[in-house]
Protein backbone atom coordinates (compact mmCIF):
# COMPACT_ATOMS: atom_id res chain seq x y z
CA MET A 1 86.08 -86.43 -25.45
CA THR A 2 89.27 -85.82 -27.43
CA THR A 3 87.49 -86.52 -30.71
CA ILE A 4 84.71 -84.05 -29.88
CA ALA A 5 87.30 -81.40 -28.95
CA ASP A 6 89.21 -82.02 -32.19
CA ILE A 7 86.00 -81.69 -34.21
CA ALA A 8 85.16 -78.42 -32.45
CA VAL A 9 88.65 -77.02 -33.09
CA ALA A 10 88.43 -78.10 -36.74
CA LEU A 11 85.05 -76.38 -37.09
CA VAL A 12 86.45 -73.13 -35.66
CA ALA A 13 89.39 -73.41 -38.09
CA LEU A 14 87.00 -73.95 -41.02
CA LEU A 15 84.91 -71.01 -39.87
CA HIS A 16 87.98 -68.77 -39.96
CA LEU A 17 88.93 -70.12 -43.36
CA ALA A 18 85.44 -69.11 -44.53
CA PHE A 19 86.00 -65.64 -43.04
CA LEU A 20 89.25 -65.43 -45.01
CA VAL A 21 87.42 -66.22 -48.27
CA LEU A 22 84.60 -63.77 -47.53
CA GLU A 23 86.89 -60.93 -46.51
CA MET A 24 89.71 -61.40 -49.01
CA PHE A 25 87.87 -62.55 -52.13
CA LEU A 26 84.13 -61.94 -51.79
CA TRP A 27 84.03 -58.64 -49.86
CA ASP A 28 82.66 -56.62 -52.78
CA LYS A 29 80.77 -59.48 -54.43
CA PRO A 30 77.04 -60.15 -53.85
CA SER A 31 77.68 -62.82 -51.20
CA GLY A 32 80.12 -60.59 -49.31
CA LEU A 33 77.84 -57.57 -49.53
CA LYS A 34 74.97 -59.63 -48.14
CA ALA A 35 77.03 -61.31 -45.40
CA PHE A 36 78.32 -58.00 -44.06
CA GLY A 37 75.37 -55.77 -44.92
CA LEU A 38 77.49 -53.49 -47.10
CA THR A 39 76.71 -51.17 -49.96
CA PRO A 40 78.94 -51.51 -53.03
CA GLU A 41 80.43 -48.09 -52.24
CA ARG A 42 81.29 -48.96 -48.66
CA ALA A 43 82.73 -52.32 -49.74
CA ALA A 44 84.94 -50.60 -52.32
CA ALA A 45 86.17 -48.11 -49.75
CA SER A 46 87.03 -50.79 -47.18
CA LYS A 47 88.23 -53.59 -49.46
CA ALA A 48 91.92 -53.33 -48.50
CA LEU A 49 91.09 -53.33 -44.78
CA ALA A 50 88.85 -56.35 -45.22
CA ALA A 51 91.55 -58.25 -47.08
CA ASN A 52 93.97 -57.55 -44.24
CA GLN A 53 91.39 -58.75 -41.73
CA GLY A 54 90.82 -61.87 -43.82
CA LEU A 55 94.53 -62.63 -43.77
CA TYR A 56 94.52 -62.54 -39.96
CA ASN A 57 91.59 -64.95 -39.94
CA GLY A 58 93.65 -67.21 -42.17
CA PHE A 59 96.47 -67.14 -39.62
CA LEU A 60 94.00 -68.21 -36.92
CA ALA A 61 92.80 -71.09 -39.09
CA ALA A 62 96.39 -72.13 -39.86
CA GLY A 63 97.35 -72.06 -36.18
CA LEU A 64 94.38 -74.22 -35.21
CA ALA A 65 95.16 -76.66 -38.03
CA TRP A 66 98.79 -76.78 -36.87
CA GLY A 67 97.69 -77.62 -33.33
CA LEU A 68 95.35 -80.32 -34.60
CA SER A 69 98.06 -81.83 -36.79
CA LEU A 70 100.25 -82.44 -33.73
CA GLY A 71 97.62 -84.44 -31.86
CA ALA A 72 97.91 -84.31 -28.08
CA ALA A 73 101.23 -82.47 -28.39
CA GLY A 74 99.41 -79.59 -30.07
CA ARG A 75 96.97 -78.84 -27.25
CA GLN A 76 98.88 -75.77 -26.05
CA ILE A 77 98.92 -74.40 -29.60
CA GLU A 78 95.18 -74.96 -29.89
CA ILE A 79 94.63 -73.21 -26.56
CA PHE A 80 96.70 -70.22 -27.68
CA PHE A 81 94.93 -69.82 -31.02
CA LEU A 82 91.46 -70.40 -29.52
CA GLY A 83 92.32 -67.68 -27.01
CA CYS A 84 93.16 -65.40 -29.93
CA VAL A 85 89.85 -66.28 -31.58
CA ILE A 86 87.94 -65.46 -28.39
CA VAL A 87 89.74 -62.13 -27.89
CA ALA A 88 89.06 -61.20 -31.53
CA GLY A 89 85.39 -62.14 -31.13
CA VAL A 90 84.97 -60.10 -27.96
CA PHE A 91 86.86 -57.12 -29.40
CA GLY A 92 84.79 -57.28 -32.59
CA ALA A 93 81.59 -57.38 -30.56
CA PHE A 94 82.57 -54.20 -28.72
CA THR A 95 83.98 -52.31 -31.70
CA ALA A 96 82.03 -53.44 -34.77
CA SER A 97 78.97 -55.64 -34.21
CA ARG A 98 77.60 -57.71 -31.35
CA GLY A 99 76.95 -60.47 -33.86
CA ILE A 100 80.69 -61.09 -34.13
CA PHE A 101 80.66 -62.53 -30.63
CA TRP A 102 78.05 -65.14 -31.57
CA VAL A 103 79.73 -66.07 -34.86
CA GLN A 104 83.37 -65.99 -33.73
CA GLY A 105 83.70 -65.68 -29.96
CA LEU A 106 81.16 -68.25 -28.80
CA PRO A 107 82.39 -71.08 -31.06
CA GLY A 108 85.91 -70.36 -29.79
CA ILE A 109 84.74 -70.52 -26.17
CA VAL A 110 82.92 -73.81 -26.75
CA ALA A 111 85.95 -75.34 -28.52
CA LEU A 112 88.29 -74.12 -25.78
CA ALA A 113 86.08 -75.62 -23.07
CA LEU A 114 86.09 -78.93 -24.93
CA VAL A 115 89.88 -78.84 -25.35
CA PHE A 116 90.26 -78.31 -21.59
CA GLN A 117 87.95 -81.30 -20.99
CA ALA A 118 89.88 -83.58 -23.39
């Protein structure tokens, strides 16, 4: 079960790394516009906010990678950062788009459940 939990945590970390790239570097590019349903004008107006948001997603990915790198000793770190992922997903669902829960919150919940089972 530990291997499955580690894979789930790694997938959540990779997901947040992808969010970083989308929000920091592709926000106003065609792939970013499509991913977030933005107009070029709205993307230009919110580019700095998106970059900041992307940076936070990078911190989540780094924290999860840190926990994974420590093996069993990193479980508490993984739990903390998965908790942050879940809170961010729930908050985003209430404040921005329900879809954020499915893309961010649910994977975090699944990974956290697997970590607790490991």
